[in-house]
Amino acid sequence: MPEIDYGIINEEDDEEILIANVEVQVELDSTYSTGTYKMLFYINDDLSGRTATAEKSFDITPD
């Protein structure tokens, strides 16, 4: 399994953030076969202690 990148934002505020965007860039090389893949995100908010999950399916097609 590939290494997961972790990061911490050290800020305190009473305002609740209802929506946060997640942006991801991934480089895939020719070792990946054509087909449908699913990327899973596991999100932990250390400040509030809440967790969430998200998923996105995508297709790899031949050039």
N, C-alpha and C. Protein backbone atom coordinates (compact mmCIF):
# COMPACT_ATOMS: atom_id res chain seq x y z
N MET A 1 0.85 -1.18 0.00
CA MET A 1 0.00 0.00 0.00
C MET A 1 0.89 1.24 0.00
N PRO A 2 0.58 2.25 -0.83
CA PRO A 2 1.42 3.44 -0.89
C PRO A 2 1.33 4.26 0.39
N GLU A 3 2.36 5.06 0.63
CA GLU A 3 2.40 5.91 1.81
C GLU A 3 1.34 7.00 1.73
N ILE A 4 0.71 7.31 2.85
CA ILE A 4 -0.32 8.34 2.92
C ILE A 4 0.32 9.63 3.42
N ASP A 5 -0.01 10.75 2.79
CA ASP A 5 0.53 12.04 3.17
C ASP A 5 -0.35 12.64 4.27
N TYR A 6 0.25 12.98 5.41
CA TYR A 6 -0.48 13.56 6.53
C TYR A 6 -0.08 15.01 6.70
N GLY A 7 -1.01 15.84 7.14
CA GLY A 7 -0.70 17.24 7.40
C GLY A 7 -1.53 17.74 8.56
N ILE A 8 -1.03 18.75 9.26
CA ILE A 8 -1.72 19.31 10.41
C ILE A 8 -1.82 20.82 10.23
N ILE A 9 -3.01 21.37 10.45
CA ILE A 9 -3.21 22.81 10.49
C ILE A 9 -3.45 23.17 11.95
N ASN A 10 -2.59 23.98 12.51
CA ASN A 10 -2.66 24.30 13.93
C ASN A 10 -3.35 25.65 14.11
N GLU A 11 -4.69 25.66 14.06
CA GLU A 11 -5.47 26.88 14.22
C GLU A 11 -6.66 26.59 15.13
N GLU A 12 -7.07 27.60 15.90
CA GLU A 12 -8.25 27.46 16.73
C GLU A 12 -9.23 28.58 16.38
N ASP A 13 -10.52 28.23 16.32
CA ASP A 13 -11.56 29.20 15.99
C ASP A 13 -12.89 28.62 16.44
N ASP A 14 -13.81 29.48 16.85
CA ASP A 14 -15.13 29.03 17.28
C ASP A 14 -16.06 28.78 16.09
N GLU A 15 -15.71 29.30 14.91
CA GLU A 15 -16.55 29.15 13.73
C GLU A 15 -16.47 27.73 13.19
N GLU A 16 -17.64 27.13 12.93
CA GLU A 16 -17.68 25.78 12.38
C GLU A 16 -17.59 25.85 10.86
N ILE A 17 -16.74 25.05 10.29
CA ILE A 17 -16.61 24.98 8.84
C ILE A 17 -17.52 23.86 8.35
N LEU A 18 -18.52 24.21 7.54
CA LEU A 18 -19.48 23.22 7.08
C LEU A 18 -19.03 22.52 5.80
N ILE A 19 -18.28 23.23 4.96
CA ILE A 19 -17.84 22.65 3.70
C ILE A 19 -16.34 22.89 3.54
N ALA A 20 -15.63 21.85 3.21
CA ALA A 20 -14.20 21.97 2.93
C ALA A 20 -13.92 21.20 1.64
N ASN A 21 -13.20 21.82 0.72
CA ASN A 21 -12.85 21.17 -0.54
C ASN A 21 -11.62 20.29 -0.36
N VAL A 22 -11.62 19.17 -1.04
CA VAL A 22 -10.47 18.28 -1.06
C VAL A 22 -10.00 18.20 -2.51
N GLU A 23 -8.74 18.56 -2.74
CA GLU A 23 -8.17 18.48 -4.08
C GLU A 23 -7.04 17.46 -4.07
N VAL A 24 -7.01 16.62 -5.11
CA VAL A 24 -6.00 15.57 -5.18
C VAL A 24 -5.46 15.51 -6.60
N GLN A 25 -4.15 15.36 -6.73
CA GLN A 25 -3.51 15.10 -8.01
C GLN A 25 -2.76 13.79 -7.90
N VAL A 26 -2.98 12.90 -8.86
CA VAL A 26 -2.34 11.59 -8.85
C VAL A 26 -1.73 11.35 -10.22
N GLU A 27 -0.50 10.86 -10.24
CA GLU A 27 0.14 10.47 -11.49
C GLU A 27 0.06 8.96 -11.62
N LEU A 28 -0.51 8.50 -12.72
CA LEU A 28 -0.60 7.07 -12.99
C LEU A 28 0.28 6.76 -14.19
N ASP A 29 1.04 5.69 -14.12
CA ASP A 29 1.89 5.33 -15.25
C ASP A 29 1.28 4.16 -16.02
N SER A 30 2.01 3.66 -16.99
CA SER A 30 1.47 2.63 -17.88
C SER A 30 1.31 1.27 -17.21
N THR A 31 1.70 1.11 -15.94
CA THR A 31 1.53 -0.18 -15.27
C THR A 31 0.08 -0.40 -14.83
N TYR A 32 -0.76 0.64 -14.86
CA TYR A 32 -2.17 0.50 -14.49
C TYR A 32 -2.96 0.02 -15.70
N SER A 33 -3.76 -1.01 -15.52
CA SER A 33 -4.58 -1.57 -16.60
C SER A 33 -5.79 -0.68 -16.85
N THR A 34 -6.34 -0.75 -18.07
CA THR A 34 -7.57 -0.03 -18.36
C THR A 34 -8.69 -0.62 -17.51
N GLY A 35 -9.66 0.21 -17.16
CA GLY A 35 -10.79 -0.25 -16.36
C GLY A 35 -11.32 0.86 -15.48
N THR A 36 -12.25 0.51 -14.62
CA THR A 36 -12.85 1.46 -13.68
C THR A 36 -12.19 1.28 -12.32
N TYR A 37 -11.77 2.40 -11.73
CA TYR A 37 -11.12 2.40 -10.42
C TYR A 37 -11.94 3.27 -9.47
N LYS A 38 -11.74 3.06 -8.18
CA LYS A 38 -12.41 3.87 -7.17
C LYS A 38 -11.35 4.37 -6.19
N MET A 39 -11.34 5.70 -5.96
CA MET A 39 -10.43 6.30 -5.00
C MET A 39 -11.23 6.58 -3.73
N LEU A 40 -10.71 6.13 -2.59
CA LEU A 40 -11.38 6.30 -1.30
C LEU A 40 -10.62 7.31 -0.47
N PHE A 41 -11.35 8.21 0.20
CA PHE A 41 -10.76 9.21 1.08
C PHE A 41 -11.29 8.99 2.49
N TYR A 42 -10.39 8.94 3.46
CA TYR A 42 -10.75 8.84 4.87
C TYR A 42 -10.28 10.14 5.52
N ILE A 43 -11.21 10.93 6.02
CA ILE A 43 -10.92 12.27 6.50
C ILE A 43 -11.13 12.32 8.01
N ASN A 44 -10.10 12.76 8.74
CA ASN A 44 -10.17 12.89 10.19
C ASN A 44 -9.95 14.34 10.58
N ASP A 45 -10.85 14.89 11.38
CA ASP A 45 -10.69 16.25 11.91
C ASP A 45 -10.24 16.12 13.35
N ASP A 46 -8.94 16.33 13.59
CA ASP A 46 -8.40 16.19 14.93
C ASP A 46 -8.97 17.23 15.89
N LEU A 47 -9.36 18.40 15.38
CA LEU A 47 -9.88 19.46 16.23
C LEU A 47 -11.24 19.09 16.82
N SER A 48 -12.16 18.59 15.97
CA SER A 48 -13.50 18.26 16.45
C SER A 48 -13.65 16.79 16.81
N GLY A 49 -12.70 15.95 16.35
CA GLY A 49 -12.81 14.52 16.59
C GLY A 49 -13.73 13.80 15.62
N ARG A 50 -14.27 14.52 14.64
CA ARG A 50 -15.18 13.91 13.67
C ARG A 50 -14.42 13.29 12.51
N THR A 51 -15.06 12.32 11.86
CA THR A 51 -14.48 11.67 10.68
C THR A 51 -15.51 11.68 9.56
N ALA A 52 -15.02 11.53 8.34
CA ALA A 52 -15.90 11.45 7.17
C ALA A 52 -15.20 10.60 6.13
N THR A 53 -15.97 10.11 5.18
CA THR A 53 -15.41 9.37 4.05
C THR A 53 -15.98 9.95 2.77
N ALA A 54 -15.24 9.79 1.69
CA ALA A 54 -15.69 10.20 0.37
C ALA A 54 -15.07 9.24 -0.63
N GLU A 55 -15.72 9.08 -1.77
CA GLU A 55 -15.18 8.21 -2.80
C GLU A 55 -15.48 8.78 -4.17
N LYS A 56 -14.61 8.46 -5.13
CA LYS A 56 -14.79 8.92 -6.50
C LYS A 56 -14.34 7.82 -7.44
N SER A 57 -15.22 7.42 -8.36
CA SER A 57 -14.87 6.42 -9.37
C SER A 57 -14.37 7.13 -10.62
N PHE A 58 -13.44 6.49 -11.34
CA PHE A 58 -12.93 7.04 -12.59
C PHE A 58 -12.50 5.90 -13.49
N ASP A 59 -12.46 6.18 -14.80
CA ASP A 59 -12.09 5.18 -15.80
C ASP A 59 -10.71 5.49 -16.36
N ILE A 60 -9.92 4.45 -16.58
CA ILE A 60 -8.67 4.57 -17.33
C ILE A 60 -8.91 3.88 -18.66
N THR A 61 -8.72 4.64 -19.74
CA THR A 61 -8.95 4.12 -21.08
C THR A 61 -7.65 4.14 -21.87
N PRO A 62 -7.52 3.28 -22.87
CA PRO A 62 -6.30 3.30 -23.69
C PRO A 62 -6.24 4.59 -24.50
N ASP A 63 -5.03 5.06 -24.78
CA ASP A 63 -4.85 6.30 -25.56
C ASP A 63 -5.31 6.13 -26.98
